[in-house]
Amino acid sequence: MDKHYLRGKMQSAQTGLMQRLGRQRFGPDQFEIVSLPVEIPGLDPAFSGYRLIQVSDIHLGNWVTAERLHSLPYTFKGTI
């Protein structure tokens, strides 16, 4: 049996099992937004009021596509 075929079948079975067990209960729109003021001594005043976002634990897959990943900054715009 071809190892690539077997790998594909195993991955499909794993995905189906995870969905049935509810492992993917968190949707793409469920993010935790935490505001954390950061003071940087010596930072040029021209940067006063700038806001940054840091997004972590992103895994490309079924619901986190490249398009959604690129749109994340716009998702948070106005919320931070």
PDB file of N, CA and C in Angstrom:
ATOM      1  N   MET A   1       0.849  -1.176   0.000  1.00  0.00           N
ATOM      2  CA  MET A   1       0.000   0.000   0.000  1.00  0.00           C
ATOM      3  C   MET A   1       0.896   1.241   0.000  1.00  0.00           C
ATOM      4  N   ASP A   2       0.543   2.224  -0.788  1.00  0.00           N
ATOM      5  CA  ASP A   2       1.300   3.470  -0.905  1.00  0.00           C
ATOM      6  C   ASP A   2       1.252   4.232   0.417  1.00  0.00           C
ATOM      7  N   LYS A   3       2.429   4.668   0.911  1.00  0.00           N
ATOM      8  CA  LYS A   3       2.468   5.359   2.209  1.00  0.00           C
ATOM      9  C   LYS A   3       1.745   6.707   2.161  1.00  0.00           C
ATOM     10  N   HIS A   4       1.742   7.374   1.006  1.00  0.00           N
ATOM     11  CA  HIS A   4       1.041   8.657   0.890  1.00  0.00           C
ATOM     12  C   HIS A   4      -0.476   8.452   0.959  1.00  0.00           C
ATOM     13  N   TYR A   5      -0.939   7.384   0.342  1.00  0.00           N
ATOM     14  CA  TYR A   5      -2.363   7.052   0.394  1.00  0.00           C
ATOM     15  C   TYR A   5      -2.775   6.759   1.835  1.00  0.00           C
ATOM     16  N   LEU A   6      -1.970   5.956   2.508  1.00  0.00           N
ATOM     17  CA  LEU A   6      -2.262   5.593   3.888  1.00  0.00           C
ATOM     18  C   LEU A   6      -2.228   6.820   4.799  1.00  0.00           C
ATOM     19  N   ARG A   7      -1.255   7.690   4.592  1.00  0.00           N
ATOM     20  CA  ARG A   7      -1.162   8.916   5.392  1.00  0.00           C
ATOM     21  C   ARG A   7      -2.414   9.776   5.205  1.00  0.00           C
ATOM     22  N   GLY A   8      -2.865   9.916   3.970  1.00  0.00           N
ATOM     23  CA  GLY A   8      -4.072  10.694   3.690  1.00  0.00           C
ATOM     24  C   GLY A   8      -5.298  10.105   4.371  1.00  0.00           C
ATOM     25  N   LYS A   9      -5.420   8.787   4.336  1.00  0.00           N
ATOM     26  CA  LYS A   9      -6.551   8.122   4.986  1.00  0.00           C
ATOM     27  C   LYS A   9      -6.502   8.323   6.502  1.00  0.00           C
ATOM     28  N   MET A  10      -5.309   8.228   7.078  1.00  0.00           N
ATOM     29  CA  MET A  10      -5.155   8.416   8.524  1.00  0.00           C
ATOM     30  C   MET A  10      -5.498   9.853   8.924  1.00  0.00           C
ATOM     31  N   GLN A  11      -5.059  10.818   8.136  1.00  0.00           N
ATOM     32  CA  GLN A  11      -5.351  12.216   8.443  1.00  0.00           C
ATOM     33  C   GLN A  11      -6.846  12.496   8.336  1.00  0.00           C
ATOM     34  N   SER A  12      -7.488  11.931   7.341  1.00  0.00           N
ATOM     35  CA  SER A  12      -8.938  12.106   7.192  1.00  0.00           C
ATOM     36  C   SER A  12      -9.681  11.502   8.374  1.00  0.00           C
ATOM     37  N   ALA A  13      -9.254  10.326   8.793  1.00  0.00           N
ATOM     38  CA  ALA A  13      -9.893   9.672   9.936  1.00  0.00           C
ATOM     39  C   ALA A  13      -9.685  10.484  11.209  1.00  0.00           C
ATOM     40  N   GLN A  14      -8.490  11.012  11.390  1.00  0.00           N
ATOM     41  CA  GLN A  14      -8.189  11.814  12.576  1.00  0.00           C
ATOM     42  C   GLN A  14      -9.039  13.085  12.597  1.00  0.00           C
ATOM     43  N   THR A  15      -9.144  13.748  11.459  1.00  0.00           N
ATOM     44  CA  THR A  15      -9.948  14.970  11.376  1.00  0.00           C
ATOM     45  C   THR A  15     -11.409  14.673  11.697  1.00  0.00           C
ATOM     46  N   GLY A  16     -11.940  13.617  11.125  1.00  0.00           N
ATOM     47  CA  GLY A  16     -13.326  13.238  11.391  1.00  0.00           C
ATOM     48  C   GLY A  16     -13.558  12.920  12.857  1.00  0.00           C
ATOM     49  N   LEU A  17     -12.631  12.215  13.464  1.00  0.00           N
ATOM     50  CA  LEU A  17     -12.748  11.873  14.877  1.00  0.00           C
ATOM     51  C   LEU A  17     -12.695  13.126  15.747  1.00  0.00           C
ATOM     52  N   MET A  18     -11.793  14.036  15.432  1.00  0.00           N
ATOM     53  CA  MET A  18     -11.680  15.271  16.205  1.00  0.00           C
ATOM     54  C   MET A  18     -12.974  16.078  16.128  1.00  0.00           C
ATOM     55  N   GLN A  19     -13.566  16.133  14.949  1.00  0.00           N
ATOM     56  CA  GLN A  19     -14.814  16.879  14.786  1.00  0.00           C
ATOM     57  C   GLN A  19     -15.945  16.230  15.581  1.00  0.00           C
ATOM     58  N   ARG A  20     -15.994  14.917  15.568  1.00  0.00           N
ATOM     59  CA  ARG A  20     -17.042  14.216  16.314  1.00  0.00           C
ATOM     60  C   ARG A  20     -16.870  14.382  17.820  1.00  0.00           C
ATOM     61  N   LEU A  21     -15.643  14.484  18.272  1.00  0.00           N
ATOM     62  CA  LEU A  21     -15.376  14.641  19.702  1.00  0.00           C
ATOM     63  C   LEU A  21     -15.479  16.090  20.159  1.00  0.00           C
ATOM     64  N   GLY A  22     -15.681  17.007  19.221  1.00  0.00           N
ATOM     65  CA  GLY A  22     -15.838  18.408  19.575  1.00  0.00           C
ATOM     66  C   GLY A  22     -14.533  19.143  19.788  1.00  0.00           C
ATOM     67  N   ARG A  23     -13.452  18.641  19.280  1.00  0.00           N
ATOM     68  CA  ARG A  23     -12.158  19.290  19.466  1.00  0.00           C
ATOM     69  C   ARG A  23     -12.066  20.603  18.707  1.00  0.00           C
ATOM     70  N   GLN A  24     -12.926  20.797  17.722  1.00  0.00           N
ATOM     71  CA  GLN A  24     -12.886  22.027  16.939  1.00  0.00           C
ATOM     72  C   GLN A  24     -14.066  22.918  17.302  1.00  0.00           C
ATOM     73  N   ARG A  25     -14.376  23.008  18.585  1.00  0.00           N
ATOM     74  CA  ARG A  25     -15.534  23.787  19.013  1.00  0.00           C
ATOM     75  C   ARG A  25     -15.298  25.282  18.964  1.00  0.00           C
ATOM     76  N   PHE A  26     -14.060  25.716  18.853  1.00  0.00           N
ATOM     77  CA  PHE A  26     -13.761  27.138  18.789  1.00  0.00           C
ATOM     78  C   PHE A  26     -13.713  27.574  17.336  1.00  0.00           C
ATOM     79  N   GLY A  27     -14.490  28.580  17.026  1.00  0.00           N
ATOM     80  CA  GLY A  27     -14.557  29.075  15.659  1.00  0.00           C
ATOM     81  C   GLY A  27     -13.527  30.145  15.391  1.00  0.00           C
ATOM     82  N   PRO A  28     -13.401  30.538  14.157  1.00  0.00           N
ATOM     83  CA  PRO A  28     -12.393  31.523  13.764  1.00  0.00           C
ATOM     84  C   PRO A  28     -12.659  32.917  14.308  1.00  0.00           C
ATOM     85  N   ASP A  29     -13.872  33.179  14.762  1.00  0.00           N
ATOM     86  CA  ASP A  29     -14.193  34.517  15.265  1.00  0.00           C
ATOM     87  C   ASP A  29     -14.101  34.614  16.784  1.00  0.00           C
ATOM     88  N   GLN A  30     -13.598  33.584  17.423  1.00  0.00           N
ATOM     89  CA  GLN A  30     -13.513  33.583  18.880  1.00  0.00           C
ATOM     90  C   GLN A  30     -12.069  33.819  19.310  1.00  0.00           C
ATOM     91  N   PHE A  31     -11.728  35.085  19.438  1.00  0.00           N
ATOM     92  CA  PHE A  31     -10.391  35.466  19.866  1.00  0.00           C
ATOM     93  C   PHE A  31     -10.477  36.136  21.222  1.00  0.00           C
ATOM     94  N   GLU A  32      -9.434  36.030  21.994  1.00  0.00           N
ATOM     95  CA  GLU A  32      -9.333  36.771  23.244  1.00  0.00           C
ATOM     96  C   GLU A  32      -8.508  38.017  22.961  1.00  0.00           C
ATOM     97  N   ILE A  33      -9.076  39.163  23.264  1.00  0.00           N
ATOM     98  CA  ILE A  33      -8.377  40.424  23.039  1.00  0.00           C
ATOM     99  C   ILE A  33      -7.963  40.978  24.390  1.00  0.00           C
ATOM    100  N   VAL A  34      -6.659  41.155  24.569  1.00  0.00           N
ATOM    101  CA  VAL A  34      -6.108  41.658  25.822  1.00  0.00           C
ATOM    102  C   VAL A  34      -5.330  42.926  25.519  1.00  0.00           C
ATOM    103  N   SER A  35      -5.686  44.012  26.200  1.00  0.00           N
ATOM    104  CA  SER A  35      -4.939  45.266  26.041  1.00  0.00           C
ATOM    105  C   SER A  35      -3.853  45.309  27.100  1.00  0.00           C
ATOM    106  N   LEU A  36      -2.653  45.602  26.675  1.00  0.00           N
ATOM    107  CA  LEU A  36      -1.517  45.649  27.586  1.00  0.00           C
ATOM    108  C   LEU A  36      -0.684  46.881  27.267  1.00  0.00           C
ATOM    109  N   PRO A  37      -0.785  47.928  28.084  1.00  0.00           N
ATOM    110  CA  PRO A  37       0.032  49.121  27.845  1.00  0.00           C
ATOM    111  C   PRO A  37       1.516  48.790  28.032  1.00  0.00           C
ATOM    112  N   VAL A  38       2.328  49.268  27.122  1.00  0.00           N
ATOM    113  CA  VAL A  38       3.770  49.031  27.183  1.00  0.00           C
ATOM    114  C   VAL A  38       4.475  50.374  27.078  1.00  0.00           C
ATOM    115  N   GLU A  39       5.317  50.654  28.046  1.00  0.00           N
ATOM    116  CA  GLU A  39       6.106  51.881  28.008  1.00  0.00           C
ATOM    117  C   GLU A  39       7.524  51.531  27.578  1.00  0.00           C
ATOM    118  N   ILE A  40       8.012  52.249  26.587  1.00  0.00           N
ATOM    119  CA  ILE A  40       9.365  52.014  26.080  1.00  0.00           C
ATOM    120  C   ILE A  40      10.170  53.284  26.284  1.00  0.00           C
ATOM    121  N   PRO A  41      11.060  53.288  27.269  1.00  0.00           N
ATOM    122  CA  PRO A  41      11.878  54.472  27.519  1.00  0.00           C
ATOM    123  C   PRO A  41      12.699  54.836  26.279  1.00  0.00           C
ATOM    124  N   GLY A  42      12.714  56.117  25.959  1.00  0.00           N
ATOM    125  CA  GLY A  42      13.510  56.589  24.830  1.00  0.00           C
ATOM    126  C   GLY A  42      12.831  56.451  23.480  1.00  0.00           C
ATOM    127  N   LEU A  43      11.597  55.959  23.468  1.00  0.00           N
ATOM    128  CA  LEU A  43      10.890  55.813  22.195  1.00  0.00           C
ATOM    129  C   LEU A  43      10.582  57.196  21.635  1.00  0.00           C
ATOM    130  N   ASP A  44      10.837  57.376  20.373  1.00  0.00           N
ATOM    131  CA  ASP A  44      10.577  58.655  19.710  1.00  0.00           C
ATOM    132  C   ASP A  44       9.107  59.043  19.898  1.00  0.00           C
ATOM    133  N   PRO A  45       8.835  60.284  20.315  1.00  0.00           N
ATOM    134  CA  PRO A  45       7.448  60.734  20.516  1.00  0.00           C
ATOM    135  C   PRO A  45       6.574  60.599  19.270  1.00  0.00           C
ATOM    136  N   ALA A  46       7.189  60.507  18.106  1.00  0.00           N
ATOM    137  CA  ALA A  46       6.408  60.336  16.876  1.00  0.00           C
ATOM    138  C   ALA A  46       5.584  59.046  16.913  1.00  0.00           C
ATOM    139  N   PHE A  47       5.990  58.101  17.753  1.00  0.00           N
ATOM    140  CA  PHE A  47       5.274  56.831  17.846  1.00  0.00           C
ATOM    141  C   PHE A  47       4.230  56.824  18.962  1.00  0.00           C
ATOM    142  N   SER A  48       4.029  57.940  19.630  1.00  0.00           N
ATOM    143  CA  SER A  48       3.046  58.028  20.702  1.00  0.00           C
ATOM    144  C   SER A  48       1.653  57.712  20.160  1.00  0.00           C
ATOM    145  N   GLY A  49       0.950  56.845  20.856  1.00  0.00           N
ATOM    146  CA  GLY A  49      -0.402  56.482  20.440  1.00  0.00           C
ATOM    147  C   GLY A  49      -0.479  55.319  19.467  1.00  0.00           C
ATOM    148  N   TYR A  50       0.654  54.830  18.994  1.00  0.00           N
ATOM    149  CA  TYR A  50       0.630  53.676  18.093  1.00  0.00           C
ATOM    150  C   TYR A  50       0.095  52.460  18.843  1.00  0.00           C
ATOM    151  N   ARG A  51      -0.561  51.599  18.124  1.00  0.00           N
ATOM    152  CA  ARG A  51      -1.058  50.360  18.704  1.00  0.00           C
ATOM    153  C   ARG A  51      -0.534  49.200  17.874  1.00  0.00           C
ATOM    154  N   LEU A  52      -0.191  48.143  18.555  1.00  0.00           N
ATOM    155  CA  LEU A  52       0.315  46.938  17.904  1.00  0.00           C
ATOM    156  C   LEU A  52      -0.593  45.774  18.261  1.00  0.00           C
ATOM    157  N   ILE A  53      -0.673  44.812  17.366  1.00  0.00           N
ATOM    158  CA  ILE A  53      -1.352  43.576  17.724  1.00  0.00           C
ATOM    159  C   ILE A  53      -0.351  42.443  17.601  1.00  0.00           C
ATOM    160  N   GLN A  54      -0.499  41.480  18.474  1.00  0.00           N
ATOM    161  CA  GLN A  54       0.323  40.279  18.442  1.00  0.00           C
ATOM    162  C   GLN A  54      -0.650  39.113  18.461  1.00  0.00           C
ATOM    163  N   VAL A  55      -0.592  38.298  17.451  1.00  0.00           N
ATOM    164  CA  VAL A  55      -1.490  37.162  17.331  1.00  0.00           C
ATOM    165  C   VAL A  55      -0.640  35.907  17.411  1.00  0.00           C
ATOM    166  N   SER A  56      -1.051  34.981  18.273  1.00  0.00           N
ATOM    167  CA  SER A  56      -0.253  33.766  18.421  1.00  0.00           C
ATOM    168  C   SER A  56      -1.133  32.528  18.338  1.00  0.00           C
ATOM    169  N   ASP A  57      -0.478  31.422  18.232  1.00  0.00           N
ATOM    170  CA  ASP A  57      -1.111  30.108  18.183  1.00  0.00           C
ATOM    171  C   ASP A  57      -2.047  29.976  16.987  1.00  0.00           C
ATOM    172  N   ILE A  58      -1.595  30.456  15.866  1.00  0.00           N
ATOM    173  CA  ILE A  58      -2.360  30.349  14.626  1.00  0.00           C
ATOM    174  C   ILE A  58      -1.858  29.126  13.862  1.00  0.00           C
ATOM    175  N   HIS A  59      -2.770  28.287  13.456  1.00  0.00           N
ATOM    176  CA  HIS A  59      -2.429  27.091  12.694  1.00  0.00           C
ATOM    177  C   HIS A  59      -3.219  27.127  11.388  1.00  0.00           C
ATOM    178  N   LEU A  60      -2.520  27.205  10.278  1.00  0.00           N
ATOM    179  CA  LEU A  60      -3.220  27.164   8.994  1.00  0.00           C
ATOM    180  C   LEU A  60      -3.917  25.821   8.868  1.00  0.00           C
ATOM    181  N   GLY A  61      -5.137  25.856   8.420  1.00  0.00           N
ATOM    182  CA  GLY A  61      -5.896  24.624   8.298  1.00  0.00           C
ATOM    183  C   GLY A  61      -7.222  24.894   7.633  1.00  0.00           C
ATOM    184  N   ASN A  62      -8.246  24.168   8.088  1.00  0.00           N
ATOM    185  CA  ASN A  62      -9.561  24.276   7.464  1.00  0.00           C
ATOM    186  C   ASN A  62     -10.191  25.650   7.634  1.00  0.00           C
ATOM    187  N   TRP A  63     -10.092  26.253   8.831  1.00  0.00           N
ATOM    188  CA  TRP A  63     -10.740  27.543   9.023  1.00  0.00           C
ATOM    189  C   TRP A  63      -9.773  28.695   9.104  1.00  0.00           C
ATOM    190  N   VAL A  64      -8.503  28.457   9.306  1.00  0.00           N
ATOM    191  CA  VAL A  64      -7.513  29.535   9.257  1.00  0.00           C
ATOM    192  C   VAL A  64      -6.779  29.401   7.928  1.00  0.00           C
ATOM    193  N   THR A  65      -7.351  30.030   6.928  1.00  0.00           N
ATOM    194  CA  THR A  65      -6.747  30.019   5.600  1.00  0.00           C
ATOM    195  C   THR A  65      -5.773  31.188   5.498  1.00  0.00           C
ATOM    196  N   ALA A  66      -4.986  31.212   4.462  1.00  0.00           N
ATOM    197  CA  ALA A  66      -4.049  32.321   4.248  1.00  0.00           C
ATOM    198  C   ALA A  66      -4.808  33.643   4.144  1.00  0.00           C
ATOM    199  N   GLU A  67      -5.978  33.623   3.506  1.00  0.00           N
ATOM    200  CA  GLU A  67      -6.768  34.844   3.360  1.00  0.00           C
ATOM    201  C   GLU A  67      -7.236  35.365   4.722  1.00  0.00           C
ATOM    202  N   ARG A  68      -7.715  34.464   5.569  1.00  0.00           N
ATOM    203  CA  ARG A  68      -8.148  34.888   6.905  1.00  0.00           C
ATOM    204  C   ARG A  68      -6.969  35.387   7.727  1.00  0.00           C
ATOM    205  N   LEU A  69      -5.840  34.735   7.589  1.00  0.00           N
ATOM    206  CA  LEU A  69      -4.654  35.161   8.329  1.00  0.00           C
ATOM    207  C   LEU A  69      -4.261  36.578   7.930  1.00  0.00           C
ATOM    208  N   HIS A  70      -4.304  36.874   6.652  1.00  0.00           N
ATOM    209  CA  HIS A  70      -3.953  38.217   6.177  1.00  0.00           C
ATOM    210  C   HIS A  70      -4.987  39.263   6.596  1.00  0.00           C
ATOM    211  N   SER A  71      -6.222  38.828   6.850  1.00  0.00           N
ATOM    212  CA  SER A  71      -7.262  39.787   7.229  1.00  0.00           C
ATOM    213  C   SER A  71      -7.339  40.019   8.738  1.00  0.00           C
ATOM    214  N   LEU A  72      -6.554  39.300   9.536  1.00  0.00           N
ATOM    215  CA  LEU A  72      -6.633  39.441  10.993  1.00  0.00           C
ATOM    216  C   LEU A  72      -6.442  40.866  11.497  1.00  0.00           C
ATOM    217  N   PRO A  73      -5.483  41.633  10.997  1.00  0.00           N
ATOM    218  CA  PRO A  73      -5.356  43.010  11.505  1.00  0.00           C
ATOM    219  C   PRO A  73      -6.638  43.818  11.322  1.00  0.00           C
ATOM    220  N   TYR A  74      -7.374  43.574  10.248  1.00  0.00           N
ATOM    221  CA  TYR A  74      -8.619  44.295  10.002  1.00  0.00           C
ATOM    222  C   TYR A  74      -9.734  43.790  10.918  1.00  0.00           C
ATOM    223  N   THR A  75      -9.638  42.526  11.335  1.00  0.00           N
ATOM    224  CA  THR A  75     -10.606  41.960  12.265  1.00  0.00           C
ATOM    225  C   THR A  75     -10.553  42.691  13.598  1.00  0.00           C
ATOM    226  N   PHE A  76      -9.352  43.040  14.033  1.00  0.00           N
ATOM    227  CA  PHE A  76      -9.171  43.670  15.337  1.00  0.00           C
ATOM    228  C   PHE A  76      -9.243  45.192  15.282  1.00  0.00           C
ATOM    229  N   LYS A  77      -9.253  45.760  14.102  1.00  0.00           N
ATOM    230  CA  LYS A  77      -9.275  47.217  13.979  1.00  0.00           C
ATOM    231  C   LYS A  77     -10.498  47.781  14.702  1.00  0.00           C
ATOM    232  N   GLY A  78     -10.262  48.754  15.553  1.00  0.00           N
ATOM    233  CA  GLY A  78     -11.337  49.368  16.308  1.00  0.00           C
ATOM    234  C   GLY A  78     -11.642  48.688  17.632  1.00  0.00           C
ATOM    235  N   THR A  79     -11.016  47.536  17.890  1.00  0.00           N
ATOM    236  CA  THR A  79     -11.272  46.839  19.149  1.00  0.00           C
ATOM    237  C   THR A  79     -10.125  46.975  20.131  1.00  0.00           C
ATOM    238  N   ILE A  80      -8.987  47.453  19.646  1.00  0.00           N
ATOM    239  CA  ILE A  80      -7.841  47.589  20.556  1.00  0.00           C
ATOM    240  C   ILE A  80      -7.579  49.048  20.837  1.00  0.00           C
TER     241      ILE A  80
END
